[in-house]
Protein backbone atom coordinates (compact mmCIF):
# COMPACT_ATOMS: atom_id res chain seq x y z
CA SER A 1 -15.90 17.43 17.55
CA PRO A 2 -18.25 14.93 19.16
CA ASP A 3 -15.29 13.49 21.12
CA ILE A 4 -14.60 16.69 23.04
CA GLY A 5 -17.06 17.91 25.66
CA PRO A 6 -17.36 21.40 27.16
CA ALA A 7 -14.99 20.67 30.07
CA GLU A 8 -12.29 19.26 27.77
CA SER A 9 -12.73 22.21 25.40
CA ALA A 10 -12.29 24.69 28.26
CA ARG A 11 -9.16 22.89 29.50
CA LEU A 12 -7.70 22.83 26.00
CA LEU A 13 -8.36 26.54 25.47
CA ALA A 14 -6.81 27.35 28.85
CA ALA A 15 -3.72 25.30 27.98
CA PHE A 16 -3.34 27.14 24.65
CA GLU A 17 -3.73 30.48 26.41
CA LEU A 18 -1.13 29.57 29.05
CA ALA A 19 1.26 28.38 26.37
CA ALA A 20 0.84 31.59 24.36
CA ARG A 21 1.40 33.75 27.42
CA ALA A 22 4.44 31.73 28.48
CA ARG A 23 6.09 32.13 25.10
CA ASP A 24 5.25 35.75 24.39
CA ALA A 25 5.75 37.65 27.62
CA PRO A 26 8.46 37.81 30.23
CA THR A 27 7.23 36.21 33.41
CA ASN A 28 9.65 37.90 35.81
CA ARG A 29 9.64 34.48 37.46
CA VAL A 30 13.04 33.64 38.87
CA MET A 31 14.35 30.20 38.03
CA ASP A 32 15.78 29.33 41.42
CA SER A 33 15.18 25.58 41.31
CA ALA A 34 14.35 22.67 39.05
CA ALA A 35 10.81 22.85 40.48
CA ALA A 36 10.45 26.43 39.24
CA VAL A 37 11.52 25.33 35.76
CA ALA A 38 9.06 22.42 35.82
CA GLU A 39 6.24 24.69 36.97
CA LEU A 40 6.87 27.11 34.12
CA VAL A 41 7.00 24.52 31.34
CA SER A 42 4.47 21.96 32.49
CA PRO A 43 1.46 23.83 31.02
CA VAL A 44 3.24 23.88 27.67
CA LEU A 45 4.76 20.39 27.61
CA ALA A 46 2.62 18.09 29.75
CA CYS A 47 0.08 17.25 27.03
CA GLU A 48 2.40 17.15 24.02
CA ARG A 49 2.24 13.89 22.10
CA ARG A 50 5.71 14.28 20.61
CA GLU A 51 8.92 15.15 22.40
CA LYS A 52 9.50 18.88 22.42
CA VAL A 53 12.55 20.77 23.68
CA MET A 54 12.11 24.24 25.19
CA VAL A 55 14.74 26.79 26.23
CA LEU A 56 13.88 29.10 29.10
CA VAL A 57 15.93 32.23 28.43
CA ALA A 58 16.79 34.26 31.53
CA ASP A 59 18.51 37.51 32.42
CA ALA A 60 21.50 37.91 34.75
CA ALA A 61 19.20 37.58 37.79
CA ASN A 62 17.73 34.31 36.43
CA ARG A 63 14.38 35.98 35.64
CA VAL A 64 12.69 34.26 32.72
CA LEU A 65 12.59 36.43 29.62
CA ARG A 66 11.09 33.96 27.18
CA LEU A 67 10.26 30.32 26.47
CA VAL A 68 11.57 29.25 23.09
CA PRO A 69 10.76 25.92 21.42
CA VAL A 70 13.92 24.63 19.71
CA ALA A 71 13.10 21.09 18.60
CA THR A 72 10.23 18.69 18.12
CA GLY A 73 10.96 15.04 17.72
CA GLY A 74 9.21 11.78 17.21
CA LEU A 75 6.95 9.96 19.60
CA ASP A 76 9.82 8.99 21.89
CA SER A 77 12.86 11.07 21.02
CA SER A 78 13.97 14.55 20.15
CA PRO A 79 17.46 15.71 19.33
CA LEU A 80 18.86 18.35 21.65
CA PRO A 81 20.30 20.86 19.18
CA VAL A 82 23.12 22.54 21.09
CA ARG A 83 23.65 25.25 18.49
CA GLU A 84 19.96 26.23 18.37
CA VAL A 85 19.78 26.28 22.17
CA LEU A 86 22.67 28.75 22.44
CA GLN A 87 21.36 30.82 19.51
CA ALA A 88 17.98 31.18 21.23
CA VAL A 89 19.60 32.41 24.44
CA LEU A 90 21.82 34.89 22.62
CA ARG A 91 19.01 36.09 20.30
CA TYR A 92 16.99 37.25 23.31
CA ASP A 93 19.97 38.72 25.17
CA GLY A 94 19.91 35.98 27.77
CA ARG A 95 22.66 35.54 30.32
CA ALA A 96 21.39 32.26 31.73
CA PHE A 97 19.03 29.51 30.61
CA ALA A 98 17.38 26.26 31.48
CA LEU A 99 16.17 23.44 29.27
CA ALA A 100 13.04 21.36 29.47
CA HIS A 101 11.59 18.62 27.38
CA ASN A 102 8.81 16.14 27.71
CA HIS A 103 8.60 12.37 27.63
CA PRO A 104 5.24 11.46 26.05
CA SER A 105 5.74 7.90 27.35
CA GLY A 106 4.75 9.14 30.81
CA ASP A 107 8.10 8.26 32.42
CA PRO A 108 10.06 11.40 33.42
CA SER A 109 13.28 9.48 34.09
CA PRO A 110 16.16 11.03 32.13
CA SER A 111 17.65 8.74 29.50
CA VAL A 112 21.36 8.20 28.87
CA GLN A 113 20.96 10.43 25.78
CA ASP A 114 19.31 13.14 27.94
CA ARG A 115 22.30 13.10 30.30
CA GLU A 116 24.87 13.13 27.47
CA ALA A 117 23.08 15.98 25.66
CA THR A 118 22.84 17.94 28.92
CA ALA A 119 26.59 17.58 29.46
CA ALA A 120 27.25 18.76 25.87
CA VAL A 121 25.03 21.83 26.36
CA GLY A 122 26.80 22.57 29.65
CA ARG A 123 30.21 22.49 27.95
CA ALA A 124 29.00 24.72 25.11
CA ALA A 125 27.40 27.20 27.52
CA ASP A 126 30.64 27.44 29.50
CA ALA A 127 32.57 28.06 26.28
CA VAL A 128 30.44 31.10 25.37
CA GLY A 129 29.99 32.49 28.88
CA LEU A 130 26.34 31.55 29.51
CA ARG A 131 25.02 30.03 32.73
CA PHE A 132 23.21 26.72 32.21
CA LEU A 133 20.88 26.48 35.20
CA ASP A 134 19.00 23.22 34.82
CA HIS A 135 17.43 20.64 32.52
CA VAL A 136 14.05 19.16 33.43
CA VAL A 137 12.09 16.28 31.92
CA VAL A 138 8.30 16.60 32.17
CA ALA A 139 5.91 13.65 31.82
CA GLY A 140 2.28 14.40 32.55
CA ASN A 141 2.10 15.75 36.11
CA SER A 142 5.57 14.58 37.13
CA TRP A 143 9.09 15.74 36.33
CA ARG A 144 12.74 14.97 37.03
CA ALA A 145 15.90 17.06 36.86
CA VAL A 146 18.55 15.75 34.49
CA ARG A 147 21.54 17.43 36.15
């Protein structure tokens, strides 16, 4: 495309490669903080134009096993599907998990809906014996923890 130069093309290809690697292979990265969660998902979510929700499935030692996309929404909202979140964790034999989603608006501040959905996921995780570690909102190069 005439709109994309060599530098932009290289950045785009690198982002796709990072996203593919993040989804397909265990990272052995331990999720020990909200910053660790943000670092893992930022390459995947930072440039998305629509809200996207990702589950970071982890083992008993909080090592990331897989990144699983569970929902894509509109330009400014995405439902947080509690059932699909828990199914993703259980499908990959996770014991713990974190959530991340992006705000294409550029403002990483968690909304009231983000906080309510996070509380609902926390209750559901407790009910089935999974550890819910964190929920992070990514917007460009910045992020905020919801919990």
